[in-house]
Amino acid sequence: MGALTGVESQLQSHIRISLNTGLSSSQLRQVARNLAAQGNVDAGARVQAAIDRVSE
């Protein structure tokens, strides 16, 4: 199943919340790598891009 499109702002909000509750960007990047490794390359790329935007 593919990643949902059009929900990038919601994903960024979840990433900000995760960072504010103690997860590191390194841990979130590992989630992106795991998604890609499990075969969901699109979702992994979206998570990685959202982390990059939040980290700017």
Protein backbone atom coordinates (compact mmCIF):
# COMPACT_ATOMS: atom_id res chain seq x y z
CA MET A 1 0.00 0.00 0.00
CA GLY A 2 1.36 3.43 -0.93
CA ALA A 3 1.78 6.48 1.21
CA LEU A 4 -1.04 8.97 1.38
CA THR A 5 -0.53 12.12 -0.61
CA GLY A 6 -1.51 15.62 0.45
CA VAL A 7 -0.83 15.11 4.14
CA GLU A 8 2.67 16.59 4.34
CA SER A 9 1.66 19.40 6.71
CA GLN A 10 0.12 16.86 9.08
CA LEU A 11 3.27 14.72 8.87
CA GLN A 12 5.41 17.76 9.68
CA SER A 13 3.21 18.45 12.71
CA HIS A 14 3.69 14.90 13.93
CA ILE A 15 7.44 15.21 13.48
CA ARG A 16 7.51 18.48 15.46
CA ILE A 17 5.47 16.84 18.23
CA SER A 18 7.84 13.86 18.25
CA LEU A 19 10.85 16.16 18.53
CA ASN A 20 9.16 18.13 21.33
CA THR A 21 8.45 14.96 23.29
CA GLY A 22 12.04 13.76 23.23
CA LEU A 23 12.69 11.85 20.02
CA SER A 24 15.78 12.92 18.14
CA SER A 25 15.94 13.72 14.44
CA SER A 26 18.32 10.77 14.16
CA GLN A 27 15.65 8.44 15.53
CA LEU A 28 13.06 9.85 13.14
CA ARG A 29 15.47 9.45 10.23
CA GLN A 30 15.81 5.80 11.23
CA VAL A 31 12.01 5.49 10.88
CA ALA A 32 12.33 6.85 7.33
CA ARG A 33 15.10 4.35 6.53
CA ASN A 34 13.06 1.49 8.00
CA LEU A 35 10.02 2.42 5.93
CA ALA A 36 12.14 2.38 2.78
CA ALA A 37 13.82 -0.90 3.76
CA GLN A 38 10.41 -2.50 4.33
CA GLY A 39 9.47 -1.63 0.75
CA ASN A 40 7.61 1.63 1.28
CA VAL A 41 10.14 3.87 -0.41
CA ASP A 42 7.59 6.66 -1.05
CA ALA A 43 6.64 6.88 2.63
CA GLY A 44 10.30 6.84 3.66
CA ALA A 45 11.06 9.68 1.27
CA ARG A 46 8.10 11.71 2.55
CA VAL A 47 9.18 11.26 6.16
CA GLN A 48 12.76 12.21 5.29
CA ALA A 49 11.60 15.31 3.39
CA ALA A 50 9.33 16.34 6.27
CA ILE A 51 12.17 15.96 8.77
CA ASP A 52 14.38 18.10 6.53
CA ARG A 53 11.72 20.83 6.33
CA VAL A 54 11.12 20.83 10.10
CA SER A 55 14.87 20.91 10.80
CA GLU A 56 15.47 24.00 8.66
